[in-house]
Amino acid sequence: MFIPLHDKNSLTHVRLQFVTLGVIALNVLIFLLTNSGSAGLVLQDYALAFGLIPRQFSDFQAVGLALSDPILLTAPLSYAFLHADWMHLLGNMAFLWVFGDNVEDAMGHFRFLLFYCLCAMGAAAFHIVASWGSPVPLIGASGATSGIVAAYLMLHPNIKIWGLFLGRIPLRVPAYICLGGWLILQFINVWLDSEGGVAWWAHIGGAVFGALLIPVMKRTNVSLLDGYWDDKA
């Protein structure tokens, strides 16, 4: 288990990462609303209404229903703004807080927002295929934040990051070690924890989309791998 704390990686192209901050604020606000029990609703009701349920996309009849229902149609994105508890929320927001600002800096505000949404939807697509026909709703921003992790790793692999390893040991190590190891762990957990409650394939899907999108969505004057290959040319 790895929880990022700080990366000391200054912004170059934007003054304020207001999209990152806005997405964090929106997630916190939605969490407070969906866990308040207002109108007699509980989190399970919100998860069934706005979470991603693979069974709804697993056959032609269900897909037709989804396409005719605006709420179901938004499920591949809306699920990413629901969280089960404070630890679920804070874990995802920690990754977004530490790494989102530099990815936003590399892309610009609008493209970063689009990138975040596309990673969430890419994670949803992987989860639908991996959990074909499942009636269990998927919620949480981990697919989208996995895309940010992959993008950050491709941008700044050598930046040293402070984090808590095993949830309690503070260490400062390069991104390629802690984030690369975190990504590898997602693949390992697919087989080690196949019956667990974590949507590992959603993490992998988000990371795949993040890695594919960052080369085409970054600013043209921003180099991958901290410009390492540019120095070698």
Protein backbone atom coordinates (compact mmCIF):
# COMPACT_ATOMS: atom_id res chain seq x y z
CA MET A 1 0.00 0.00 0.00
CA PHE A 2 1.34 3.41 -1.00
CA ILE A 3 -0.12 6.80 -0.06
CA PRO A 4 1.53 9.82 -1.74
CA LEU A 5 2.20 12.88 0.42
CA HIS A 6 4.33 15.39 -1.50
CA ASP A 7 6.42 15.65 -4.68
CA LYS A 8 7.96 19.17 -4.62
CA ASN A 9 7.42 19.51 -8.38
CA SER A 10 6.68 23.15 -9.20
CA LEU A 11 4.25 24.34 -11.88
CA THR A 12 5.64 25.85 -15.07
CA HIS A 13 2.75 26.74 -17.36
CA VAL A 14 -0.21 27.48 -15.10
CA ARG A 15 -0.44 29.67 -12.02
CA LEU A 16 -3.07 27.60 -10.26
CA GLN A 17 -4.28 24.05 -10.85
CA PHE A 18 -7.91 25.06 -10.49
CA VAL A 19 -9.29 22.04 -12.39
CA THR A 20 -7.51 19.66 -10.01
CA LEU A 21 -8.75 21.63 -7.02
CA GLY A 22 -12.25 21.84 -8.50
CA VAL A 23 -12.45 18.08 -9.09
CA ILE A 24 -11.29 17.43 -5.51
CA ALA A 25 -13.87 19.87 -4.15
CA LEU A 26 -16.62 18.29 -6.27
CA ASN A 27 -15.73 14.81 -5.02
CA VAL A 28 -15.79 15.98 -1.40
CA LEU A 29 -19.10 17.80 -1.89
CA ILE A 30 -20.75 14.79 -3.53
CA PHE A 31 -19.40 12.54 -0.78
CA LEU A 32 -20.94 14.76 1.89
CA LEU A 33 -24.27 14.86 0.05
CA THR A 34 -24.45 11.13 -0.65
CA ASN A 35 -23.49 10.18 2.88
CA SER A 36 -25.82 12.57 4.66
CA GLY A 37 -28.91 10.35 4.40
CA SER A 38 -30.96 13.27 3.08
CA ALA A 39 -34.34 12.50 1.49
CA GLY A 40 -34.20 9.03 3.00
CA LEU A 41 -31.47 7.94 0.56
CA VAL A 42 -28.34 6.05 1.53
CA LEU A 43 -25.10 5.52 -0.39
CA GLN A 44 -26.39 2.22 -1.79
CA ASP A 45 -29.25 4.06 -3.47
CA TYR A 46 -26.87 6.54 -5.07
CA ALA A 47 -24.55 3.72 -6.14
CA LEU A 48 -27.41 1.90 -7.86
CA ALA A 49 -28.59 5.10 -9.53
CA PHE A 50 -25.28 6.66 -10.54
CA GLY A 51 -22.69 3.89 -10.17
CA LEU A 52 -21.46 1.76 -13.05
CA ILE A 53 -23.29 -1.58 -13.15
CA PRO A 54 -21.68 -3.89 -15.74
CA ARG A 55 -24.89 -5.89 -16.25
CA GLN A 56 -26.56 -2.79 -17.68
CA PHE A 57 -24.05 -2.85 -20.53
CA SER A 58 -23.72 -6.61 -20.99
CA ASP A 59 -26.41 -7.34 -23.59
CA PHE A 60 -28.15 -5.52 -26.42
CA GLN A 61 -31.41 -5.08 -24.53
CA ALA A 62 -29.64 -3.55 -21.55
CA VAL A 63 -27.56 -1.30 -23.79
CA GLY A 64 -30.74 -0.10 -25.51
CA LEU A 65 -32.22 0.72 -22.11
CA ALA A 66 -29.05 2.54 -21.09
CA LEU A 67 -29.05 4.62 -24.26
CA SER A 68 -32.66 5.64 -23.63
CA ASP A 69 -32.00 6.66 -20.02
CA PRO A 70 -29.82 9.76 -19.56
CA ILE A 71 -28.82 8.71 -16.03
CA LEU A 72 -27.62 5.30 -17.18
CA LEU A 73 -25.86 6.90 -20.12
CA THR A 74 -23.78 9.01 -17.73
CA ALA A 75 -22.86 6.07 -15.49
CA PRO A 76 -19.43 5.50 -17.13
CA LEU A 77 -18.45 8.90 -15.73
CA SER A 78 -20.74 9.60 -12.77
CA TYR A 79 -19.51 6.51 -10.90
CA ALA A 80 -16.10 8.18 -10.51
CA PHE A 81 -17.58 10.86 -8.23
CA LEU A 82 -19.04 8.47 -5.65
CA HIS A 83 -17.06 7.02 -2.74
CA ALA A 84 -17.91 4.42 -0.14
CA ASP A 85 -16.30 6.04 2.92
CA TRP A 86 -13.75 8.62 4.05
CA MET A 87 -10.76 6.34 3.52
CA HIS A 88 -11.91 5.53 -0.02
CA LEU A 89 -12.31 9.24 -0.76
CA LEU A 90 -9.09 10.43 0.91
CA GLY A 91 -6.99 7.73 -0.76
CA ASN A 92 -8.12 8.75 -4.23
CA MET A 93 -7.92 12.46 -3.51
CA ALA A 94 -4.34 12.08 -2.22
CA PHE A 95 -3.24 10.79 -5.64
CA LEU A 96 -5.18 13.56 -7.38
CA TRP A 97 -3.77 16.25 -5.06
CA VAL A 98 -0.11 15.22 -5.38
CA PHE A 99 0.02 14.33 -9.09
CA GLY A 100 -2.92 16.07 -10.72
CA ASP A 101 -1.42 19.56 -10.63
CA ASN A 102 1.63 18.63 -12.70
CA VAL A 103 -0.41 16.71 -15.26
CA GLU A 104 -2.75 19.69 -15.51
CA ASP A 105 0.30 21.93 -15.91
CA ALA A 106 1.57 19.73 -18.76
CA MET A 107 -1.78 19.78 -20.60
CA GLY A 108 -3.61 22.96 -19.76
CA HIS A 109 -6.88 23.24 -17.89
CA PHE A 110 -9.43 22.15 -20.48
CA ARG A 111 -7.44 19.23 -21.86
CA PHE A 112 -6.72 18.02 -18.33
CA LEU A 113 -10.43 17.97 -17.49
CA LEU A 114 -11.10 16.05 -20.70
CA PHE A 115 -8.20 13.71 -19.90
CA TYR A 116 -9.59 13.00 -16.43
CA CYS A 117 -13.02 12.16 -17.83
CA LEU A 118 -11.61 9.95 -20.59
CA CYS A 119 -9.49 8.01 -18.09
CA ALA A 120 -12.57 7.47 -15.91
CA MET A 121 -14.53 6.19 -18.92
CA GLY A 122 -11.63 4.04 -20.08
CA ALA A 123 -11.46 2.47 -16.62
CA ALA A 124 -15.22 1.86 -16.82
CA ALA A 125 -14.84 0.08 -20.17
CA PHE A 126 -12.16 -2.26 -18.79
CA HIS A 127 -14.29 -2.99 -15.73
CA ILE A 128 -17.38 -3.78 -17.81
CA VAL A 129 -15.45 -6.36 -19.84
CA ALA A 130 -13.68 -7.83 -16.79
CA SER A 131 -16.90 -8.03 -14.72
CA TRP A 132 -19.25 -8.95 -17.55
CA GLY A 133 -22.81 -9.30 -16.35
CA SER A 134 -22.09 -8.32 -12.73
CA PRO A 135 -24.93 -6.57 -10.86
CA VAL A 136 -22.51 -4.96 -8.39
CA PRO A 137 -22.07 -1.20 -8.92
CA LEU A 138 -18.61 0.26 -9.34
CA ILE A 139 -17.89 3.58 -7.60
CA GLY A 140 -14.77 5.64 -6.95
CA ALA A 141 -12.22 7.82 -8.71
CA SER A 142 -9.39 5.29 -8.66
CA GLY A 143 -9.67 4.56 -12.39
CA ALA A 144 -9.33 8.23 -13.26
CA THR A 145 -6.50 8.76 -10.78
CA SER A 146 -4.71 5.70 -12.19
CA GLY A 147 -4.65 7.55 -15.50
CA ILE A 148 -3.05 10.51 -13.76
CA VAL A 149 -0.47 8.23 -12.15
CA ALA A 150 0.49 6.79 -15.56
CA ALA A 151 0.69 10.25 -17.12
CA TYR A 152 2.81 11.62 -14.27
CA LEU A 153 5.14 8.64 -14.49
CA MET A 154 5.66 9.28 -18.21
CA LEU A 155 6.26 12.98 -17.59
CA HIS A 156 8.39 12.95 -14.42
CA PRO A 157 9.81 9.49 -13.68
CA ASN A 158 12.80 10.86 -11.76
CA ILE A 159 11.00 13.28 -9.42
CA LYS A 160 11.34 12.11 -5.82
CA ILE A 161 8.10 11.61 -3.95
CA TRP A 162 7.40 11.48 -0.24
CA GLY A 163 4.88 8.79 0.59
CA LEU A 164 3.72 6.32 3.21
CA PHE A 165 4.65 2.76 2.30
CA LEU A 166 2.56 0.00 3.81
CA GLY A 167 0.39 2.85 5.01
CA ARG A 168 2.82 3.95 7.73
CA ILE A 169 6.50 4.06 6.66
CA PRO A 170 7.57 7.52 5.33
CA LEU A 171 10.04 7.28 2.46
CA ARG A 172 11.24 9.58 -0.33
CA VAL A 173 11.88 7.69 -3.56
CA PRO A 174 11.83 8.42 -7.32
CA ALA A 175 8.49 8.25 -9.10
CA TYR A 176 9.59 5.37 -11.31
CA ILE A 177 10.02 3.22 -8.21
CA CYS A 178 6.92 4.09 -6.18
CA LEU A 179 4.51 4.77 -9.06
CA GLY A 180 5.96 2.11 -11.34
CA GLY A 181 5.72 -0.37 -8.48
CA TRP A 182 2.17 0.74 -7.75
CA LEU A 183 1.13 0.13 -11.36
CA ILE A 184 2.79 -3.30 -11.44
CA LEU A 185 0.98 -4.17 -8.21
CA GLN A 186 -2.37 -3.54 -9.91
CA PHE A 187 -1.62 -6.29 -12.44
CA ILE A 188 -0.43 -8.66 -9.72
CA ASN A 189 -3.58 -8.07 -7.69
CA VAL A 190 -5.77 -9.08 -10.63
CA TRP A 191 -4.67 -12.66 -9.96
CA LEU A 192 -3.94 -12.51 -6.23
CA ASP A 193 -7.22 -10.80 -5.30
CA SER A 194 -9.59 -11.92 -8.05
CA GLU A 195 -12.45 -12.35 -5.56
CA GLY A 196 -11.75 -9.16 -3.61
CA GLY A 197 -13.78 -5.99 -3.50
CA VAL A 198 -11.31 -3.81 -5.42
CA ALA A 199 -11.83 -3.21 -9.15
CA TRP A 200 -8.24 -3.86 -10.22
CA TRP A 201 -9.10 -3.94 -13.93
CA ALA A 202 -10.57 -0.44 -13.62
CA HIS A 203 -7.22 0.73 -12.25
CA ILE A 204 -5.43 -0.94 -15.15
CA GLY A 205 -7.87 0.51 -17.68
CA GLY A 206 -7.42 4.03 -16.34
CA ALA A 207 -3.62 3.65 -16.41
CA VAL A 208 -3.68 2.34 -19.99
CA PHE A 209 -5.78 5.28 -21.14
CA GLY A 210 -3.55 7.71 -19.24
CA ALA A 211 -0.42 6.32 -20.87
CA LEU A 212 -1.99 6.44 -24.35
CA LEU A 213 -3.43 9.94 -23.97
CA ILE A 214 -0.56 11.86 -22.40
CA PRO A 215 1.66 11.91 -25.54
CA VAL A 216 -1.12 13.45 -27.64
CA MET A 217 -2.74 15.70 -25.02
CA LYS A 218 0.35 17.29 -23.45
CA ARG A 219 1.57 20.69 -24.60
CA THR A 220 3.86 20.49 -27.62
CA ASN A 221 6.67 22.12 -25.65
CA VAL A 222 6.43 19.62 -22.81
CA SER A 223 8.77 16.62 -22.98
CA LEU A 224 8.10 13.12 -21.78
CA LEU A 225 10.46 11.44 -19.30
CA ASP A 226 11.63 14.87 -18.05
CA GLY A 227 13.27 15.47 -21.45
CA TYR A 228 15.73 12.62 -20.87
CA TRP A 229 15.79 11.51 -24.49
CA ASP A 230 16.01 15.11 -25.70
CA ASP A 231 19.29 15.43 -23.78
CA LYS A 232 20.61 12.27 -25.45
CA ALA A 233 19.74 13.36 -29.00
